[in-house]
Amino acid sequence: MKKWILLLALLQQAIADPLPDGVLATQVDDRIGHYAFRSKALKKPMAFSVVFPEDYSSKPGPWPVLFFLHGLGRNEKTLIEDPASRQRLLDQPYVIVLPKGENGWYFDSPFDPSRQFASYLDEVTDLAGKVLKISPERSQRAIGGWSAGGFGSVWACIRHPEAFSTLATIIAVVDFPAEGVRFPITPATFGDDPARWPEFNPINRAKELRNLNVLLVIGKKASDAAMNERLSAILTGEKIPHEVVRLPGGHTFPSVQAGLGPVLDFVNRHLTKVPDAGPKQAQMQK
């Protein structure tokens, strides 16, 4: 009982107080929180989950951070509701932010003003910087995701090259939208004119991933495998260093589970180490 009370106190300390107006923070477990807020970009309630590292409450930070985006049909709780994935997240020495993305591809639709999911993702990263002790330094910030979340994370790096130093994806849909793909092209997001799809396809701007630490986790039997191999070939042709992990699975959640370990290890290897607590850092914290 005493241990539980101590953990509760630590998590309550971890969740910033006071919070910005309209933000509701709740405890999910010992080192897992959930933040709900109203998105201005989407004009509706949205949320993100946070996994805190073990020493988060005892060190003022700032802490490295990974923003990790889920795929279609999943949500901000998918990984923490899966026991094996949850434990992998809890084992990391950095903050992990898991945004709720619905089925918006983390992309701003030029056709439907209600589907501004890239702007929403910017809201999440901005709000996380206000309520969490995370670093604003590019060297300490990573982003990634699986499937549509991989698509969204690649676009996030293209949109904000100053914001992230590391990109790590699992079975990412990276050559999309395009004719002949096996993934649904939502007209409300991408329109129905194939002539316009190349401007929305992140693979056509792959050379802008230069100066990033890049990991592609590919499922050998996945419908996106050829996409990721094409992306890897383009990066190689552009002399952009990157790593590839090939797993035997398909475009399935078990592949996400299998790829999560390599992604988290890659991020851990490339983000700056957590700084020791010091007087100057302590003064920076509210």
C-alpha atoms as a PDB file:
ATOM      1  CA  MET A   1       0.000   0.000   0.000  1.00  0.00           C
ATOM      2  CA  LYS A   2       2.800   2.442   0.894  1.00  0.00           C
ATOM      3  CA  LYS A   3       4.501   1.724  -2.428  1.00  0.00           C
ATOM      4  CA  TRP A   4       1.273   2.453  -4.314  1.00  0.00           C
ATOM      5  CA  ILE A   5       0.766   5.726  -2.420  1.00  0.00           C
ATOM      6  CA  LEU A   6       4.327   6.780  -3.273  1.00  0.00           C
ATOM      7  CA  LEU A   7       3.850   5.953  -6.954  1.00  0.00           C
ATOM      8  CA  LEU A   8       0.597   7.864  -7.026  1.00  0.00           C
ATOM      9  CA  ALA A   9       2.285  10.890  -5.498  1.00  0.00           C
ATOM     10  CA  LEU A  10       5.090  10.699  -8.058  1.00  0.00           C
ATOM     11  CA  LEU A  11       2.686  10.579 -10.986  1.00  0.00           C
ATOM     12  CA  GLN A  12       0.670  13.465  -9.606  1.00  0.00           C
ATOM     13  CA  GLN A  13       3.905  15.433  -9.409  1.00  0.00           C
ATOM     14  CA  ALA A  14       4.753  14.386 -12.984  1.00  0.00           C
ATOM     15  CA  ILE A  15       1.521  15.844 -14.354  1.00  0.00           C
ATOM     16  CA  ALA A  16       2.069  19.595 -14.458  1.00  0.00           C
ATOM     17  CA  ASP A  17      -0.055  21.770 -12.185  1.00  0.00           C
ATOM     18  CA  PRO A  18      -1.614  24.081 -13.014  1.00  0.00           C
ATOM     19  CA  LEU A  19      -2.544  22.807 -16.458  1.00  0.00           C
ATOM     20  CA  PRO A  20      -3.538  25.094 -19.325  1.00  0.00           C
ATOM     21  CA  ASP A  21      -7.238  25.929 -19.444  1.00  0.00           C
ATOM     22  CA  GLY A  22      -9.332  23.111 -20.883  1.00  0.00           C
ATOM     23  CA  VAL A  23      -6.697  20.390 -20.395  1.00  0.00           C
ATOM     24  CA  LEU A  24      -7.671  17.411 -18.246  1.00  0.00           C
ATOM     25  CA  ALA A  25      -4.941  15.057 -16.986  1.00  0.00           C
ATOM     26  CA  THR A  26      -5.826  11.661 -15.554  1.00  0.00           C
ATOM     27  CA  GLN A  27      -3.780   8.784 -14.190  1.00  0.00           C
ATOM     28  CA  VAL A  28      -3.855   5.530 -16.143  1.00  0.00           C
ATOM     29  CA  ASP A  29      -1.240   3.651 -14.117  1.00  0.00           C
ATOM     30  CA  ASP A  30       1.949   4.181 -12.125  1.00  0.00           C
ATOM     31  CA  ARG A  31       3.855   5.983 -14.878  1.00  0.00           C
ATOM     32  CA  ILE A  32       1.186   6.444 -17.537  1.00  0.00           C
ATOM     33  CA  GLY A  33      -0.964   9.543 -17.912  1.00  0.00           C
ATOM     34  CA  HIS A  34      -3.707  10.655 -20.265  1.00  0.00           C
ATOM     35  CA  TYR A  35      -4.319  14.230 -21.392  1.00  0.00           C
ATOM     36  CA  ALA A  36      -7.612  15.365 -22.926  1.00  0.00           C
ATOM     37  CA  PHE A  37      -8.076  18.746 -24.586  1.00  0.00           C
ATOM     38  CA  ARG A  38     -10.171  20.444 -27.217  1.00  0.00           C
ATOM     39  CA  SER A  39      -8.389  20.672 -30.547  1.00  0.00           C
ATOM     40  CA  LYS A  40      -8.723  24.016 -32.283  1.00  0.00           C
ATOM     41  CA  ALA A  41      -7.639  22.474 -35.575  1.00  0.00           C
ATOM     42  CA  LEU A  42     -10.292  19.741 -35.468  1.00  0.00           C
ATOM     43  CA  LYS A  43     -12.836  21.657 -33.381  1.00  0.00           C
ATOM     44  CA  LYS A  44     -13.509  18.680 -31.117  1.00  0.00           C
ATOM     45  CA  PRO A  45     -12.116  16.869 -28.057  1.00  0.00           C
ATOM     46  CA  MET A  46      -8.885  14.941 -28.663  1.00  0.00           C
ATOM     47  CA  ALA A  47      -6.242  13.356 -26.440  1.00  0.00           C
ATOM     48  CA  PHE A  48      -2.814  11.811 -26.021  1.00  0.00           C
ATOM     49  CA  SER A  49      -1.302   9.282 -23.649  1.00  0.00           C
ATOM     50  CA  VAL A  50       2.095   9.717 -22.002  1.00  0.00           C
ATOM     51  CA  VAL A  51       4.513   7.105 -20.686  1.00  0.00           C
ATOM     52  CA  PHE A  52       6.941   8.553 -18.146  1.00  0.00           C
ATOM     53  CA  PRO A  53      10.468   7.188 -17.577  1.00  0.00           C
ATOM     54  CA  GLU A  54      11.240   5.748 -14.174  1.00  0.00           C
ATOM     55  CA  ASP A  55      13.156   8.756 -12.805  1.00  0.00           C
ATOM     56  CA  TYR A  56      10.929  11.423 -14.318  1.00  0.00           C
ATOM     57  CA  SER A  57       9.677  12.818 -11.011  1.00  0.00           C
ATOM     58  CA  SER A  58      13.047  12.893  -9.294  1.00  0.00           C
ATOM     59  CA  LYS A  59      14.900  14.738 -12.088  1.00  0.00           C
ATOM     60  CA  PRO A  60      13.955  18.171 -13.389  1.00  0.00           C
ATOM     61  CA  GLY A  61      14.927  17.372 -16.972  1.00  0.00           C
ATOM     62  CA  PRO A  62      14.533  18.443 -19.671  1.00  0.00           C
ATOM     63  CA  TRP A  63      13.837  14.915 -20.919  1.00  0.00           C
ATOM     64  CA  PRO A  64      14.221  13.434 -24.398  1.00  0.00           C
ATOM     65  CA  VAL A  65      10.905  12.609 -26.040  1.00  0.00           C
ATOM     66  CA  LEU A  66       9.472  10.277 -28.668  1.00  0.00           C
ATOM     67  CA  PHE A  67       6.153  11.088 -30.347  1.00  0.00           C
ATOM     68  CA  PHE A  68       4.792   7.789 -31.674  1.00  0.00           C
ATOM     69  CA  LEU A  69       1.769   7.712 -33.985  1.00  0.00           C
ATOM     70  CA  HIS A  70      -0.695   4.835 -34.307  1.00  0.00           C
ATOM     71  CA  GLY A  71      -2.163   3.369 -37.486  1.00  0.00           C
ATOM     72  CA  LEU A  72      -5.725   3.363 -38.810  1.00  0.00           C
ATOM     73  CA  GLY A  73      -8.320   1.783 -36.557  1.00  0.00           C
ATOM     74  CA  ARG A  74      -6.128   2.175 -33.465  1.00  0.00           C
ATOM     75  CA  ASN A  75      -5.856   4.877 -30.824  1.00  0.00           C
ATOM     76  CA  GLU A  76      -3.623   6.532 -28.241  1.00  0.00           C
ATOM     77  CA  LYS A  77      -4.148   3.624 -25.823  1.00  0.00           C
ATOM     78  CA  THR A  78      -3.426   0.712 -28.179  1.00  0.00           C
ATOM     79  CA  LEU A  79       0.188   0.149 -27.157  1.00  0.00           C
ATOM     80  CA  ILE A  80      -0.364   0.657 -23.445  1.00  0.00           C
ATOM     81  CA  GLU A  81      -3.288  -1.780 -23.474  1.00  0.00           C
ATOM     82  CA  ASP A  82      -1.038  -4.463 -24.997  1.00  0.00           C
ATOM     83  CA  PRO A  83       0.971  -5.930 -22.061  1.00  0.00           C
ATOM     84  CA  ALA A  84       4.196  -6.669 -23.938  1.00  0.00           C
ATOM     85  CA  SER A  85       4.242  -3.300 -25.735  1.00  0.00           C
ATOM     86  CA  ARG A  86       3.330  -1.475 -22.538  1.00  0.00           C
ATOM     87  CA  GLN A  87       6.319  -2.940 -20.720  1.00  0.00           C
ATOM     88  CA  ARG A  88       8.676  -2.013 -23.549  1.00  0.00           C
ATOM     89  CA  LEU A  89       7.450   1.574 -23.357  1.00  0.00           C
ATOM     90  CA  LEU A  90       7.861   1.663 -19.575  1.00  0.00           C
ATOM     91  CA  ASP A  91      11.445   0.405 -19.886  1.00  0.00           C
ATOM     92  CA  GLN A  92      12.614   3.446 -21.883  1.00  0.00           C
ATOM     93  CA  PRO A  93      14.682   6.294 -20.398  1.00  0.00           C
ATOM     94  CA  TYR A  94      12.746   9.000 -22.239  1.00  0.00           C
ATOM     95  CA  VAL A  95       9.191  10.375 -22.366  1.00  0.00           C
ATOM     96  CA  ILE A  96       6.851   8.777 -24.906  1.00  0.00           C
ATOM     97  CA  VAL A  97       3.824  10.683 -26.214  1.00  0.00           C
ATOM     98  CA  LEU A  98       1.105   8.686 -27.985  1.00  0.00           C
ATOM     99  CA  PRO A  99      -1.363  10.995 -29.785  1.00  0.00           C
ATOM    100  CA  LYS A 100      -4.900  10.032 -30.702  1.00  0.00           C
ATOM    101  CA  GLY A 101      -4.977  10.272 -34.480  1.00  0.00           C
ATOM    102  CA  GLU A 102      -8.296   8.707 -35.505  1.00  0.00           C
ATOM    103  CA  ASN A 103      -8.179   7.928 -39.241  1.00  0.00           C
ATOM    104  CA  GLY A 104      -6.837  11.289 -40.352  1.00  0.00           C
ATOM    105  CA  TRP A 105      -3.371  10.196 -41.570  1.00  0.00           C
ATOM    106  CA  TYR A 106      -1.913  13.098 -39.499  1.00  0.00           C
ATOM    107  CA  PHE A 107      -2.371  15.156 -42.652  1.00  0.00           C
ATOM    108  CA  ASP A 108      -4.125  18.457 -43.426  1.00  0.00           C
ATOM    109  CA  SER A 109      -6.734  17.809 -46.093  1.00  0.00           C
ATOM    110  CA  PRO A 110      -6.964  20.536 -48.743  1.00  0.00           C
ATOM    111  CA  PHE A 111     -10.493  19.301 -49.481  1.00  0.00           C
ATOM    112  CA  ASP A 112     -12.149  19.140 -46.062  1.00  0.00           C
ATOM    113  CA  PRO A 113     -11.509  21.867 -43.448  1.00  0.00           C
ATOM    114  CA  SER A 114     -12.640  19.502 -40.686  1.00  0.00           C
ATOM    115  CA  ARG A 115      -9.760  17.088 -41.405  1.00  0.00           C
ATOM    116  CA  GLN A 116      -6.722  19.143 -40.369  1.00  0.00           C
ATOM    117  CA  PHE A 117      -4.841  16.356 -38.640  1.00  0.00           C
ATOM    118  CA  ALA A 118      -1.322  17.673 -39.291  1.00  0.00           C
ATOM    119  CA  SER A 119      -2.246  20.922 -37.559  1.00  0.00           C
ATOM    120  CA  TYR A 120      -3.741  18.846 -34.760  1.00  0.00           C
ATOM    121  CA  LEU A 121      -0.454  16.943 -34.401  1.00  0.00           C
ATOM    122  CA  ASP A 122       1.298  20.315 -34.093  1.00  0.00           C
ATOM    123  CA  GLU A 123      -1.123  21.136 -31.269  1.00  0.00           C
ATOM    124  CA  VAL A 124      -0.149  17.918 -29.493  1.00  0.00           C
ATOM    125  CA  THR A 125       3.591  18.582 -29.734  1.00  0.00           C
ATOM    126  CA  ASP A 126       3.075  22.165 -28.568  1.00  0.00           C
ATOM    127  CA  LEU A 127       0.847  21.185 -25.646  1.00  0.00           C
ATOM    128  CA  ALA A 128       3.199  18.375 -24.625  1.00  0.00           C
ATOM    129  CA  GLY A 129       5.961  20.957 -24.383  1.00  0.00           C
ATOM    130  CA  LYS A 130       3.833  22.944 -21.942  1.00  0.00           C
ATOM    131  CA  VAL A 131       2.646  20.142 -19.649  1.00  0.00           C
ATOM    132  CA  LEU A 132       5.670  17.820 -19.723  1.00  0.00           C
ATOM    133  CA  LYS A 133       9.339  18.297 -18.814  1.00  0.00           C
ATOM    134  CA  ILE A 134      10.501  17.534 -22.350  1.00  0.00           C
ATOM    135  CA  SER A 135      13.353  19.109 -24.225  1.00  0.00           C
ATOM    136  CA  PRO A 136      12.768  21.641 -27.017  1.00  0.00           C
ATOM    137  CA  GLU A 137      16.155  20.710 -28.493  1.00  0.00           C
ATOM    138  CA  ARG A 138      16.024  18.931 -31.846  1.00  0.00           C
ATOM    139  CA  SER A 139      18.720  16.477 -30.746  1.00  0.00           C
ATOM    140  CA  GLN A 140      16.455  15.207 -27.972  1.00  0.00           C
ATOM    141  CA  ARG A 141      13.273  14.820 -30.003  1.00  0.00           C
ATOM    142  CA  ALA A 142      12.161  11.842 -32.092  1.00  0.00           C
ATOM    143  CA  ILE A 143       9.013  10.921 -33.971  1.00  0.00           C
ATOM    144  CA  GLY A 144       7.753   7.717 -35.540  1.00  0.00           C
ATOM    145  CA  GLY A 145       4.747   5.514 -35.984  1.00  0.00           C
ATOM    146  CA  TRP A 146       3.285   2.518 -37.694  1.00  0.00           C
ATOM    147  CA  SER A 147       1.227   2.194 -40.884  1.00  0.00           C
ATOM    148  CA  ALA A 148      -0.638   5.507 -41.347  1.00  0.00           C
ATOM    149  CA  GLY A 149       1.296   6.765 -38.324  1.00  0.00           C
ATOM    150  CA  GLY A 150       4.476   6.111 -40.269  1.00  0.00           C
ATOM    151  CA  PHE A 151       3.077   8.206 -43.115  1.00  0.00           C
ATOM    152  CA  GLY A 152       2.251  10.987 -40.645  1.00  0.00           C
ATOM    153  CA  SER A 153       5.629  10.903 -38.941  1.00  0.00           C
ATOM    154  CA  VAL A 154       7.504  11.183 -42.246  1.00  0.00           C
ATOM    155  CA  TRP A 155       5.375  14.177 -43.171  1.00  0.00           C
ATOM    156  CA  ALA A 156       5.989  15.713 -39.727  1.00  0.00           C
ATOM    157  CA  CYS A 157       9.742  15.601 -40.389  1.00  0.00           C
ATOM    158  CA  ILE A 158       9.240  17.145 -43.823  1.00  0.00           C
ATOM    159  CA  ARG A 159       7.008  19.891 -42.431  1.00  0.00           C
ATOM    160  CA  HIS A 160       9.225  20.618 -39.438  1.00  0.00           C
ATOM    161  CA  PRO A 161      12.869  19.741 -40.185  1.00  0.00           C
ATOM    162  CA  GLU A 162      13.892  21.805 -37.172  1.00  0.00           C
ATOM    163  CA  ALA A 163      11.747  19.827 -34.724  1.00  0.00           C
ATOM    164  CA  PHE A 164      13.075  16.250 -34.792  1.00  0.00           C
ATOM    165  CA  SER A 165      16.464  14.575 -35.098  1.00  0.00           C
ATOM    166  CA  THR A 166      15.249  10.994 -35.320  1.00  0.00           C
ATOM    167  CA  LEU A 167      12.591   9.179 -37.368  1.00  0.00           C
ATOM    168  CA  ALA A 168      11.642   5.537 -36.792  1.00  0.00           C
ATOM    169  CA  THR A 169       8.765   3.761 -38.523  1.00  0.00           C
ATOM    170  CA  ILE A 170       7.175   0.307 -38.579  1.00  0.00           C
ATOM    171  CA  ILE A 171       5.359  -1.047 -41.679  1.00  0.00           C
ATOM    172  CA  ALA A 172       4.876   2.567 -42.745  1.00  0.00           C
ATOM    173  CA  VAL A 173       2.664   3.524 -45.672  1.00  0.00           C
ATOM    174  CA  VAL A 174       5.229   5.791 -47.296  1.00  0.00           C
ATOM    175  CA  ASP A 175       4.404   5.699 -51.031  1.00  0.00           C
ATOM    176  CA  PHE A 176       0.825   6.943 -50.725  1.00  0.00           C
ATOM    177  CA  PRO A 177      -1.576   8.073 -52.052  1.00  0.00           C
ATOM    178  CA  ALA A 178      -0.881   6.461 -55.390  1.00  0.00           C
ATOM    179  CA  GLU A 179      -2.727   4.428 -57.981  1.00  0.00           C
ATOM    180  CA  GLY A 180      -2.838   0.700 -57.378  1.00  0.00           C
ATOM    181  CA  VAL A 181      -2.068   0.790 -53.644  1.00  0.00           C
ATOM    182  CA  ARG A 182      -3.844  -1.644 -51.328  1.00  0.00           C
ATOM    183  CA  PHE A 183      -4.751   1.022 -48.761  1.00  0.00           C
ATOM    184  CA  PRO A 184      -7.962   3.069 -48.824  1.00  0.00           C
ATOM    185  CA  ILE A 185      -7.542   6.532 -50.327  1.00  0.00           C
ATOM    186  CA  THR A 186     -10.041   8.668 -48.454  1.00  0.00           C
ATOM    187  CA  PRO A 187     -11.402  11.303 -50.882  1.00  0.00           C
ATOM    188  CA  ALA A 188     -12.166  13.664 -47.993  1.00  0.00           C
ATOM    189  CA  THR A 189      -8.456  13.699 -47.162  1.00  0.00           C
ATOM    190  CA  PHE A 190      -6.663  13.197 -50.483  1.00  0.00           C
ATOM    191  CA  GLY A 191      -9.334  13.904 -53.087  1.00  0.00           C
ATOM    192  CA  ASP A 192     -10.198  11.614 -55.989  1.00  0.00           C
ATOM    193  CA  ASP A 193      -7.939  13.097 -58.672  1.00  0.00           C
ATOM    194  CA  PRO A 194      -4.832  10.900 -59.184  1.00  0.00           C
ATOM    195  CA  ALA A 195      -3.092  13.835 -60.814  1.00  0.00           C
ATOM    196  CA  ARG A 196      -2.895  15.571 -57.433  1.00  0.00           C
ATOM    197  CA  TRP A 197      -1.826  12.590 -55.356  1.00  0.00           C
ATOM    198  CA  PRO A 198       1.932  12.996 -55.974  1.00  0.00           C
ATOM    199  CA  GLU A 199       1.925  16.288 -54.055  1.00  0.00           C
ATOM    200  CA  PHE A 200       0.556  14.478 -50.991  1.00  0.00           C
ATOM    201  CA  ASN A 201       2.909  11.499 -51.265  1.00  0.00           C
ATOM    202  CA  PRO A 202       5.878  11.802 -48.866  1.00  0.00           C
ATOM    203  CA  ILE A 203       8.170   9.522 -50.898  1.00  0.00           C
ATOM    204  CA  ASN A 204       8.430  12.271 -53.513  1.00  0.00           C
ATOM    205  CA  ARG A 205      10.140  14.454 -50.896  1.00  0.00           C
ATOM    206  CA  ALA A 206      12.356  11.763 -49.396  1.00  0.00           C
ATOM    207  CA  LYS A 207      15.518  13.778 -49.973  1.00  0.00           C
ATOM    208  CA  GLU A 208      14.255  16.190 -47.297  1.00  0.00           C
ATOM    209  CA  LEU A 209      14.882  13.466 -44.696  1.00  0.00           C
ATOM    210  CA  ARG A 210      18.575  14.347 -44.851  1.00  0.00           C
ATOM    211  CA  ASN A 211      20.203  15.112 -41.474  1.00  0.00           C
ATOM    212  CA  LEU A 212      17.862  12.745 -39.656  1.00  0.00           C
ATOM    213  CA  ASN A 213      18.590   9.455 -37.956  1.00  0.00           C
ATOM    214  CA  VAL A 214      16.246   7.158 -39.903  1.00  0.00           C
ATOM    215  CA  LEU A 215      15.071   3.625 -39.166  1.00  0.00           C
ATOM    216  CA  LEU A 216      12.657   1.694 -41.396  1.00  0.00           C
ATOM    217  CA  VAL A 217      11.187  -1.495 -39.930  1.00  0.00           C
ATOM    218  CA  ILE A 218       9.813  -3.509 -42.853  1.00  0.00           C
ATOM    219  CA  GLY A 219       7.537  -6.540 -42.724  1.00  0.00           C
ATOM    220  CA  LYS A 220       8.741  -8.817 -45.515  1.00  0.00           C
ATOM    221  CA  LYS A 221       5.208 -10.064 -46.209  1.00  0.00           C
ATOM    222  CA  ALA A 222       3.553  -6.690 -45.698  1.00  0.00           C
ATOM    223  CA  SER A 223       1.647  -4.909 -48.441  1.00  0.00           C
ATOM    224  CA  ASP A 224       3.798  -1.854 -47.727  1.00  0.00           C
ATOM    225  CA  ALA A 225       7.120  -3.734 -48.055  1.00  0.00           C
ATOM    226  CA  ALA A 226       7.775  -2.563 -51.620  1.00  0.00           C
ATOM    227  CA  MET A 227       7.013   1.024 -50.584  1.00  0.00           C
ATOM    228  CA  ASN A 228       9.606   0.942 -47.837  1.00  0.00           C
ATOM    229  CA  GLU A 229      12.170  -0.727 -50.063  1.00  0.00           C
ATOM    230  CA  ARG A 230      11.623   2.062 -52.605  1.00  0.00           C
ATOM    231  CA  LEU A 231      12.095   4.652 -49.873  1.00  0.00           C
ATOM    232  CA  SER A 232      15.285   2.937 -48.732  1.00  0.00           C
ATOM    233  CA  ALA A 233      16.582   2.898 -52.308  1.00  0.00           C
ATOM    234  CA  ILE A 234      15.856   6.611 -52.711  1.00  0.00           C
ATOM    235  CA  LEU A 235      17.632   7.430 -49.445  1.00  0.00           C
ATOM    236  CA  THR A 236      20.594   5.355 -50.563  1.00  0.00           C
ATOM    237  CA  GLY A 237      20.658   7.133 -53.921  1.00  0.00           C
ATOM    238  CA  GLU A 238      20.601  10.486 -52.126  1.00  0.00           C
ATOM    239  CA  LYS A 239      23.435   9.267 -49.852  1.00  0.00           C
ATOM    240  CA  ILE A 240      21.212   9.656 -46.800  1.00  0.00           C
ATOM    241  CA  PRO A 241      22.353   7.207 -44.109  1.00  0.00           C
ATOM    242  CA  HIS A 242      19.581   5.076 -42.648  1.00  0.00           C
ATOM    243  CA  GLU A 243      18.983   1.701 -41.057  1.00  0.00           C
ATOM    244  CA  VAL A 244      16.580  -1.034 -42.150  1.00  0.00           C
ATOM    245  CA  VAL A 245      15.241  -3.901 -40.054  1.00  0.00           C
ATOM    246  CA  ARG A 246      13.383  -6.581 -41.985  1.00  0.00           C
ATOM    247  CA  LEU A 247      10.953  -8.783 -40.059  1.00  0.00           C
ATOM    248  CA  PRO A 248       9.101 -11.849 -41.373  1.00  0.00           C
ATOM    249  CA  GLY A 249       5.574 -10.555 -40.739  1.00  0.00           C
ATOM    250  CA  GLY A 250       2.913  -8.727 -42.741  1.00  0.00           C
ATOM    251  CA  HIS A 251       0.962  -5.518 -42.332  1.00  0.00           C
ATOM    252  CA  THR A 252      -0.424  -6.641 -38.981  1.00  0.00           C
ATOM    253  CA  PHE A 253      -0.347  -5.645 -35.336  1.00  0.00           C
ATOM    254  CA  PRO A 254       2.005  -8.544 -34.477  1.00  0.00           C
ATOM    255  CA  SER A 255       4.514  -6.872 -36.801  1.00  0.00           C
ATOM    256  CA  VAL A 256       4.066  -3.661 -34.834  1.00  0.00           C
ATOM    257  CA  GLN A 257       4.678  -5.567 -31.612  1.00  0.00           C
ATOM    258  CA  ALA A 258       7.816  -7.148 -33.083  1.00  0.00           C
ATOM    259  CA  GLY A 259       9.079  -3.867 -34.514  1.00  0.00           C
ATOM    260  CA  LEU A 260       8.546  -1.824 -31.384  1.00  0.00           C
ATOM    261  CA  GLY A 261      11.705  -3.129 -29.708  1.00  0.00           C
ATOM    262  CA  PRO A 262      14.033  -2.129 -32.589  1.00  0.00           C
ATOM    263  CA  VAL A 263      12.339   1.284 -32.795  1.00  0.00           C
ATOM    264  CA  LEU A 264      12.673   2.025 -29.083  1.00  0.00           C
ATOM    265  CA  ASP A 265      16.283   0.846 -29.036  1.00  0.00           C
ATOM    266  CA  PHE A 266      17.091   2.984 -32.087  1.00  0.00           C
ATOM    267  CA  VAL A 267      15.545   6.058 -30.467  1.00  0.00           C
ATOM    268  CA  ASN A 268      17.391   5.357 -27.217  1.00  0.00           C
ATOM    269  CA  ARG A 269      20.656   5.099 -29.133  1.00  0.00           C
ATOM    270  CA  HIS A 270      20.246   8.404 -30.945  1.00  0.00           C
ATOM    271  CA  LEU A 271      18.602  10.752 -28.482  1.00  0.00           C
ATOM    272  CA  THR A 272      20.859  12.761 -26.221  1.00  0.00           C
ATOM    273  CA  LYS A 273      21.363  11.250 -22.787  1.00  0.00           C
ATOM    274  CA  VAL A 274      19.197  12.540 -19.958  1.00  0.00           C
ATOM    275  CA  PRO A 275      21.172  15.365 -18.297  1.00  0.00           C
ATOM    276  CA  ASP A 276      22.004  15.242 -14.626  1.00  0.00           C
ATOM    277  CA  ALA A 277      19.917  17.474 -12.404  1.00  0.00           C
ATOM    278  CA  GLY A 278      21.706  20.755 -11.826  1.00  0.00           C
ATOM    279  CA  PRO A 279      20.924  24.211 -10.437  1.00  0.00           C
ATOM    280  CA  LYS A 280      20.596  25.802 -13.896  1.00  0.00           C
ATOM    281  CA  GLN A 281      18.242  23.077 -15.125  1.00  0.00           C
ATOM    282  CA  ALA A 282      16.242  23.202 -11.935  1.00  0.00           C
ATOM    283  CA  GLN A 283      15.639  26.919 -12.438  1.00  0.00           C
ATOM    284  CA  MET A 284      14.196  26.216 -15.880  1.00  0.00           C
ATOM    285  CA  GLN A 285      11.427  24.080 -14.447  1.00  0.00           C
ATOM    286  CA  LYS A 286       8.187  25.605 -13.251  1.00  0.00           C
END
